[in-house]
Amino acid sequence: MNTSVYRLGVLGLSEGRSVLSAVLASPCWEVAQVCDLDETLCRERCAEFAIPHYTLSYAEMLADPTADAVAIFTPDHLHATHIVQALQAGKHVICTKPLCRSLDEARTVRDALRAAPTCCTPSRARP
């Protein structure tokens, strides 16, 4: 039996709220850190879910060695860029749909996946 606990960073805390409650209810996951450009929203989510750490910098979240994976809940036009950045940082990725908006973005994500030792999976946020 696998007794590993995976640590997740969550990017985008408006839609990302749904994954926070799921992660905290799971014996297999912990929240490593949350990130949003809106500091008020970061503070609200940290208070709501008793999360000790937040950042306003995605680069800082990606540099966190305690995060195994990143859940991406940002606006659609940012998904491909955020996926590639996470894969290049060695993180597994869970991203709300759509992962990509064009064939060019899909090729870029595919190439990043081929070069990465990690994986990417789509998710559907349910607010």
N, C-alpha and C. Protein backbone atom coordinates (compact mmCIF):
# COMPACT_ATOMS: atom_id res chain seq x y z
N MET A 1 0.84 -1.18 0.00
CA MET A 1 0.00 0.00 0.00
C MET A 1 0.89 1.25 0.00
N ASN A 2 0.52 2.22 -0.81
CA ASN A 2 1.26 3.48 -0.89
C ASN A 2 0.79 4.40 0.23
N THR A 3 1.70 4.81 1.08
CA THR A 3 1.34 5.70 2.18
C THR A 3 1.88 7.10 1.97
N SER A 4 2.24 7.42 0.75
CA SER A 4 2.78 8.75 0.45
C SER A 4 1.71 9.82 0.59
N VAL A 5 2.15 10.97 1.05
CA VAL A 5 1.31 12.15 1.06
C VAL A 5 1.95 13.14 0.10
N TYR A 6 1.17 13.59 -0.87
CA TYR A 6 1.66 14.52 -1.87
C TYR A 6 1.29 15.94 -1.46
N ARG A 7 2.21 16.86 -1.72
CA ARG A 7 1.99 18.25 -1.34
C ARG A 7 1.71 19.09 -2.58
N LEU A 8 0.64 19.86 -2.52
CA LEU A 8 0.11 20.58 -3.67
C LEU A 8 0.19 22.09 -3.47
N GLY A 9 0.66 22.77 -4.49
CA GLY A 9 0.55 24.22 -4.56
C GLY A 9 -0.65 24.56 -5.42
N VAL A 10 -1.44 25.53 -5.02
CA VAL A 10 -2.64 25.89 -5.77
C VAL A 10 -2.49 27.31 -6.29
N LEU A 11 -2.59 27.46 -7.60
CA LEU A 11 -2.47 28.75 -8.28
C LEU A 11 -3.84 29.18 -8.77
N GLY A 12 -4.30 30.33 -8.31
CA GLY A 12 -5.62 30.84 -8.70
C GLY A 12 -6.65 30.43 -7.66
N LEU A 13 -6.94 31.30 -6.75
CA LEU A 13 -7.71 30.92 -5.57
C LEU A 13 -9.20 31.20 -5.66
N SER A 14 -9.65 31.77 -6.75
CA SER A 14 -11.08 31.94 -6.92
C SER A 14 -11.68 30.58 -7.30
N GLU A 15 -11.31 30.09 -8.47
CA GLU A 15 -11.74 28.74 -8.88
C GLU A 15 -11.02 27.66 -8.08
N GLY A 16 -9.81 27.94 -7.65
CA GLY A 16 -9.02 26.95 -6.92
C GLY A 16 -9.58 26.60 -5.55
N ARG A 17 -10.57 27.33 -5.09
CA ARG A 17 -11.20 27.04 -3.80
C ARG A 17 -11.72 25.60 -3.75
N SER A 18 -12.27 25.13 -4.86
CA SER A 18 -12.86 23.78 -4.89
C SER A 18 -11.82 22.69 -4.64
N VAL A 19 -10.61 22.87 -5.17
CA VAL A 19 -9.58 21.85 -4.96
C VAL A 19 -9.04 21.90 -3.54
N LEU A 20 -9.05 23.07 -2.93
CA LEU A 20 -8.56 23.18 -1.56
C LEU A 20 -9.37 22.31 -0.60
N SER A 21 -10.69 22.38 -0.70
CA SER A 21 -11.50 21.56 0.20
C SER A 21 -11.31 20.08 -0.09
N ALA A 22 -11.15 19.70 -1.35
CA ALA A 22 -10.93 18.29 -1.69
C ALA A 22 -9.58 17.80 -1.17
N VAL A 23 -8.54 18.60 -1.32
CA VAL A 23 -7.20 18.23 -0.85
C VAL A 23 -7.20 18.05 0.67
N LEU A 24 -7.81 18.99 1.35
CA LEU A 24 -7.80 18.93 2.81
C LEU A 24 -8.64 17.78 3.37
N ALA A 25 -9.56 17.26 2.56
CA ALA A 25 -10.37 16.11 2.98
C ALA A 25 -9.72 14.78 2.65
N SER A 26 -8.60 14.81 1.93
CA SER A 26 -7.94 13.59 1.49
C SER A 26 -6.77 13.22 2.38
N PRO A 27 -6.61 11.93 2.70
CA PRO A 27 -5.44 11.50 3.46
C PRO A 27 -4.18 11.43 2.59
N CYS A 28 -4.33 11.61 1.28
CA CYS A 28 -3.20 11.48 0.35
C CYS A 28 -2.57 12.82 -0.04
N TRP A 29 -3.21 13.92 0.31
CA TRP A 29 -2.75 15.24 -0.12
C TRP A 29 -2.66 16.20 1.05
N GLU A 30 -1.75 17.16 0.91
CA GLU A 30 -1.63 18.31 1.81
C GLU A 30 -1.43 19.55 0.93
N VAL A 31 -1.80 20.69 1.45
CA VAL A 31 -1.54 21.95 0.76
C VAL A 31 -0.16 22.45 1.16
N ALA A 32 0.71 22.63 0.16
CA ALA A 32 2.04 23.16 0.42
C ALA A 32 2.00 24.68 0.48
N GLN A 33 1.27 25.28 -0.46
CA GLN A 33 1.23 26.73 -0.55
C GLN A 33 0.11 27.12 -1.51
N VAL A 34 -0.40 28.32 -1.36
CA VAL A 34 -1.37 28.86 -2.31
C VAL A 34 -0.82 30.15 -2.90
N CYS A 35 -1.31 30.47 -4.09
CA CYS A 35 -0.79 31.63 -4.81
C CYS A 35 -1.90 32.30 -5.60
N ASP A 36 -1.91 33.62 -5.52
CA ASP A 36 -2.83 34.42 -6.33
C ASP A 36 -2.25 35.82 -6.37
N LEU A 37 -2.61 36.59 -7.39
CA LEU A 37 -2.16 37.98 -7.46
C LEU A 37 -2.91 38.87 -6.48
N ASP A 38 -4.06 38.40 -6.01
CA ASP A 38 -4.91 39.15 -5.09
C ASP A 38 -4.57 38.75 -3.65
N GLU A 39 -3.83 39.61 -2.97
CA GLU A 39 -3.40 39.26 -1.61
C GLU A 39 -4.57 39.12 -0.65
N THR A 40 -5.61 39.90 -0.84
CA THR A 40 -6.79 39.77 0.02
C THR A 40 -7.39 38.38 -0.12
N LEU A 41 -7.48 37.88 -1.34
CA LEU A 41 -8.01 36.54 -1.57
C LEU A 41 -7.09 35.48 -0.96
N CYS A 42 -5.79 35.67 -1.06
CA CYS A 42 -4.84 34.75 -0.42
C CYS A 42 -5.10 34.68 1.08
N ARG A 43 -5.22 35.83 1.69
CA ARG A 43 -5.46 35.87 3.14
C ARG A 43 -6.79 35.21 3.50
N GLU A 44 -7.82 35.45 2.70
CA GLU A 44 -9.13 34.85 2.96
C GLU A 44 -9.07 33.33 2.88
N ARG A 45 -8.44 32.80 1.83
CA ARG A 45 -8.36 31.34 1.68
C ARG A 45 -7.50 30.73 2.78
N CYS A 46 -6.42 31.38 3.15
CA CYS A 46 -5.59 30.86 4.23
C CYS A 46 -6.37 30.82 5.54
N ALA A 47 -7.15 31.83 5.82
CA ALA A 47 -7.96 31.84 7.04
C ALA A 47 -9.07 30.79 6.96
N GLU A 48 -9.71 30.69 5.82
CA GLU A 48 -10.83 29.76 5.64
C GLU A 48 -10.39 28.30 5.79
N PHE A 49 -9.22 27.98 5.26
CA PHE A 49 -8.77 26.58 5.24
C PHE A 49 -7.58 26.30 6.16
N ALA A 50 -7.22 27.26 7.00
CA ALA A 50 -6.10 27.11 7.94
C ALA A 50 -4.81 26.73 7.22
N ILE A 51 -4.52 27.46 6.16
CA ILE A 51 -3.30 27.25 5.37
C ILE A 51 -2.26 28.26 5.86
N PRO A 52 -1.08 27.79 6.26
CA PRO A 52 -0.11 28.71 6.86
C PRO A 52 0.68 29.58 5.88
N HIS A 53 0.74 29.19 4.59
CA HIS A 53 1.62 29.91 3.67
C HIS A 53 0.89 30.32 2.40
N TYR A 54 1.18 31.52 1.95
CA TYR A 54 0.73 31.96 0.63
C TYR A 54 1.83 32.80 0.00
N THR A 55 1.72 32.96 -1.31
CA THR A 55 2.65 33.83 -2.03
C THR A 55 1.88 34.53 -3.14
N LEU A 56 2.37 35.65 -3.55
CA LEU A 56 1.82 36.38 -4.69
C LEU A 56 2.62 36.08 -5.96
N SER A 57 3.66 35.25 -5.83
CA SER A 57 4.59 34.97 -6.92
C SER A 57 4.53 33.50 -7.33
N TYR A 58 4.13 33.26 -8.57
CA TYR A 58 4.10 31.89 -9.08
C TYR A 58 5.52 31.31 -9.12
N ALA A 59 6.50 32.13 -9.48
CA ALA A 59 7.89 31.66 -9.50
C ALA A 59 8.33 31.19 -8.11
N GLU A 60 7.90 31.90 -7.08
CA GLU A 60 8.23 31.49 -5.71
C GLU A 60 7.57 30.16 -5.37
N MET A 61 6.32 29.99 -5.79
CA MET A 61 5.65 28.72 -5.54
C MET A 61 6.37 27.58 -6.25
N LEU A 62 6.77 27.81 -7.49
CA LEU A 62 7.45 26.76 -8.24
C LEU A 62 8.81 26.42 -7.64
N ALA A 63 9.44 27.37 -6.98
CA ALA A 63 10.74 27.13 -6.36
C ALA A 63 10.62 26.42 -5.02
N ASP A 64 9.42 26.26 -4.50
CA ASP A 64 9.20 25.62 -3.20
C ASP A 64 9.48 24.12 -3.33
N PRO A 65 10.54 23.63 -2.70
CA PRO A 65 10.89 22.21 -2.83
C PRO A 65 9.91 21.27 -2.11
N THR A 66 9.03 21.83 -1.27
CA THR A 66 8.07 20.96 -0.58
C THR A 66 6.84 20.66 -1.41
N ALA A 67 6.64 21.38 -2.52
CA ALA A 67 5.48 21.15 -3.39
C ALA A 67 5.82 20.10 -4.44
N ASP A 68 5.05 19.02 -4.46
CA ASP A 68 5.24 17.96 -5.46
C ASP A 68 4.50 18.27 -6.75
N ALA A 69 3.39 18.99 -6.63
CA ALA A 69 2.52 19.25 -7.77
C ALA A 69 1.90 20.63 -7.64
N VAL A 70 1.39 21.12 -8.78
CA VAL A 70 0.72 22.41 -8.81
C VAL A 70 -0.64 22.22 -9.47
N ALA A 71 -1.67 22.79 -8.84
CA ALA A 71 -3.01 22.83 -9.43
C ALA A 71 -3.22 24.23 -9.98
N ILE A 72 -3.56 24.31 -11.27
CA ILE A 72 -3.66 25.59 -11.96
C ILE A 72 -5.13 25.92 -12.22
N PHE A 73 -5.57 27.05 -11.64
CA PHE A 73 -6.94 27.52 -11.79
C PHE A 73 -6.94 28.99 -12.16
N THR A 74 -6.11 29.34 -13.13
CA THR A 74 -5.98 30.71 -13.60
C THR A 74 -6.87 30.90 -14.83
N PRO A 75 -6.98 32.13 -15.36
CA PRO A 75 -7.74 32.33 -16.59
C PRO A 75 -7.20 31.47 -17.74
N ASP A 76 -8.09 31.05 -18.61
CA ASP A 76 -7.77 30.10 -19.69
C ASP A 76 -6.55 30.50 -20.51
N HIS A 77 -6.40 31.78 -20.83
CA HIS A 77 -5.30 32.20 -21.71
C HIS A 77 -3.93 32.05 -21.05
N LEU A 78 -3.88 31.75 -19.75
CA LEU A 78 -2.61 31.57 -19.04
C LEU A 78 -2.25 30.10 -18.82
N HIS A 79 -3.17 29.19 -19.07
CA HIS A 79 -2.96 27.79 -18.73
C HIS A 79 -1.69 27.20 -19.34
N ALA A 80 -1.53 27.31 -20.64
CA ALA A 80 -0.38 26.68 -21.30
C ALA A 80 0.94 27.21 -20.73
N THR A 81 1.03 28.51 -20.56
CA THR A 81 2.25 29.10 -20.00
C THR A 81 2.52 28.58 -18.59
N HIS A 82 1.48 28.55 -17.76
CA HIS A 82 1.65 28.08 -16.39
C HIS A 82 1.99 26.59 -16.34
N ILE A 83 1.41 25.80 -17.23
CA ILE A 83 1.72 24.37 -17.29
C ILE A 83 3.21 24.17 -17.63
N VAL A 84 3.66 24.84 -18.67
CA VAL A 84 5.06 24.69 -19.10
C VAL A 84 6.01 25.12 -17.99
N GLN A 85 5.71 26.22 -17.33
CA GLN A 85 6.58 26.69 -16.24
C GLN A 85 6.64 25.66 -15.11
N ALA A 86 5.50 25.06 -14.78
CA ALA A 86 5.47 24.06 -13.70
C ALA A 86 6.26 22.81 -14.10
N LEU A 87 6.07 22.35 -15.33
CA LEU A 87 6.80 21.17 -15.79
C LEU A 87 8.30 21.43 -15.79
N GLN A 88 8.70 22.60 -16.24
CA GLN A 88 10.12 22.94 -16.25
C GLN A 88 10.70 23.04 -14.84
N ALA A 89 9.83 23.31 -13.87
CA ALA A 89 10.27 23.37 -12.47
C ALA A 89 10.24 22.00 -11.80
N GLY A 90 9.86 20.97 -12.57
CA GLY A 90 9.84 19.61 -12.03
C GLY A 90 8.60 19.26 -11.23
N LYS A 91 7.52 20.00 -11.44
CA LYS A 91 6.28 19.74 -10.71
C LYS A 91 5.30 18.96 -11.58
N HIS A 92 4.54 18.08 -10.94
CA HIS A 92 3.38 17.48 -11.60
C HIS A 92 2.33 18.58 -11.72
N VAL A 93 1.41 18.44 -12.69
CA VAL A 93 0.45 19.50 -12.94
C VAL A 93 -0.97 18.94 -13.03
N ILE A 94 -1.88 19.62 -12.34
CA ILE A 94 -3.31 19.42 -12.50
C ILE A 94 -3.83 20.78 -12.97
N CYS A 95 -4.51 20.82 -14.10
CA CYS A 95 -4.95 22.10 -14.65
C CYS A 95 -6.41 22.01 -15.08
N THR A 96 -7.16 23.02 -14.68
CA THR A 96 -8.55 23.09 -15.12
C THR A 96 -8.61 23.24 -16.64
N LYS A 97 -9.69 22.77 -17.24
CA LYS A 97 -9.83 22.84 -18.69
C LYS A 97 -10.19 24.26 -19.12
N PRO A 98 -9.80 24.65 -20.31
CA PRO A 98 -8.99 23.95 -21.29
C PRO A 98 -7.49 24.07 -20.96
N LEU A 99 -6.75 23.02 -21.25
CA LEU A 99 -5.31 23.08 -21.03
C LEU A 99 -4.66 24.06 -22.00
N CYS A 100 -5.15 24.05 -23.23
CA CYS A 100 -4.58 24.88 -24.29
C CYS A 100 -5.71 25.49 -25.11
N ARG A 101 -5.41 26.62 -25.75
CA ARG A 101 -6.40 27.28 -26.58
C ARG A 101 -6.11 27.15 -28.07
N SER A 102 -4.97 26.59 -28.42
CA SER A 102 -4.62 26.48 -29.84
C SER A 102 -3.72 25.27 -30.04
N LEU A 103 -3.57 24.89 -31.28
CA LEU A 103 -2.68 23.79 -31.63
C LEU A 103 -1.23 24.14 -31.30
N ASP A 104 -0.86 25.39 -31.51
CA ASP A 104 0.51 25.82 -31.16
C ASP A 104 0.76 25.67 -29.66
N GLU A 105 -0.19 26.09 -28.83
CA GLU A 105 -0.04 25.91 -27.38
C GLU A 105 0.04 24.44 -27.02
N ALA A 106 -0.77 23.62 -27.68
CA ALA A 106 -0.75 22.18 -27.40
C ALA A 106 0.61 21.58 -27.74
N ARG A 107 1.19 22.00 -28.83
CA ARG A 107 2.53 21.50 -29.19
C ARG A 107 3.57 21.93 -28.17
N THR A 108 3.47 23.15 -27.68
CA THR A 108 4.41 23.65 -26.67
C THR A 108 4.29 22.84 -25.39
N VAL A 109 3.05 22.58 -24.96
CA VAL A 109 2.83 21.78 -23.76
C VAL A 109 3.33 20.35 -23.99
N ARG A 110 3.03 19.79 -25.14
CA ARG A 110 3.50 18.43 -25.46
C ARG A 110 5.02 18.34 -25.38
N ASP A 111 5.70 19.30 -25.96
CA ASP A 111 7.16 19.30 -25.93
C ASP A 111 7.69 19.41 -24.50
N ALA A 112 7.05 20.24 -23.69
CA ALA A 112 7.46 20.37 -22.29
C ALA A 112 7.22 19.06 -21.53
N LEU A 113 6.12 18.39 -21.82
CA LEU A 113 5.83 17.11 -21.18
C LEU A 113 6.87 16.05 -21.56
N ARG A 114 7.24 16.04 -22.82
CA ARG A 114 8.24 15.06 -23.27
C ARG A 114 9.59 15.27 -22.59
N ALA A 115 9.90 16.52 -22.27
CA ALA A 115 11.19 16.84 -21.64
C ALA A 115 11.15 16.72 -20.11
N ALA A 116 9.97 16.62 -19.55
CA ALA A 116 9.83 16.65 -18.09
C ALA A 116 9.73 15.24 -17.50
N PRO A 117 10.21 15.08 -16.28
CA PRO A 117 10.06 13.79 -15.58
C PRO A 117 8.71 13.71 -14.85
N THR A 118 7.85 14.68 -15.09
CA THR A 118 6.57 14.77 -14.39
C THR A 118 5.42 14.64 -15.38
N CYS A 119 4.19 14.77 -14.89
CA CYS A 119 3.03 14.59 -15.76
C CYS A 119 2.05 15.74 -15.59
N CYS A 120 1.07 15.78 -16.48
CA CYS A 120 0.04 16.81 -16.47
C CYS A 120 -1.31 16.14 -16.72
N THR A 121 -2.31 16.54 -15.95
CA THR A 121 -3.65 15.99 -16.13
C THR A 121 -4.68 17.11 -16.07
N PRO A 122 -5.74 16.99 -16.88
CA PRO A 122 -6.79 18.02 -16.80
C PRO A 122 -7.70 17.80 -15.60
N SER A 123 -8.29 18.88 -15.16
CA SER A 123 -9.24 18.85 -14.06
C SER A 123 -10.40 19.74 -14.43
N ARG A 124 -11.53 19.50 -13.83
CA ARG A 124 -12.67 20.37 -14.04
C ARG A 124 -13.07 20.95 -12.70
N ALA A 125 -12.95 22.26 -12.59
CA ALA A 125 -13.32 22.93 -11.34
C ALA A 125 -14.83 22.96 -11.21
N ARG A 126 -15.29 22.73 -10.02
CA ARG A 126 -16.72 22.82 -9.74
C ARG A 126 -16.90 23.75 -8.55
N PRO A 127 -17.17 25.04 -8.85
CA PRO A 127 -17.29 26.01 -7.76
C PRO A 127 -18.47 25.71 -6.84
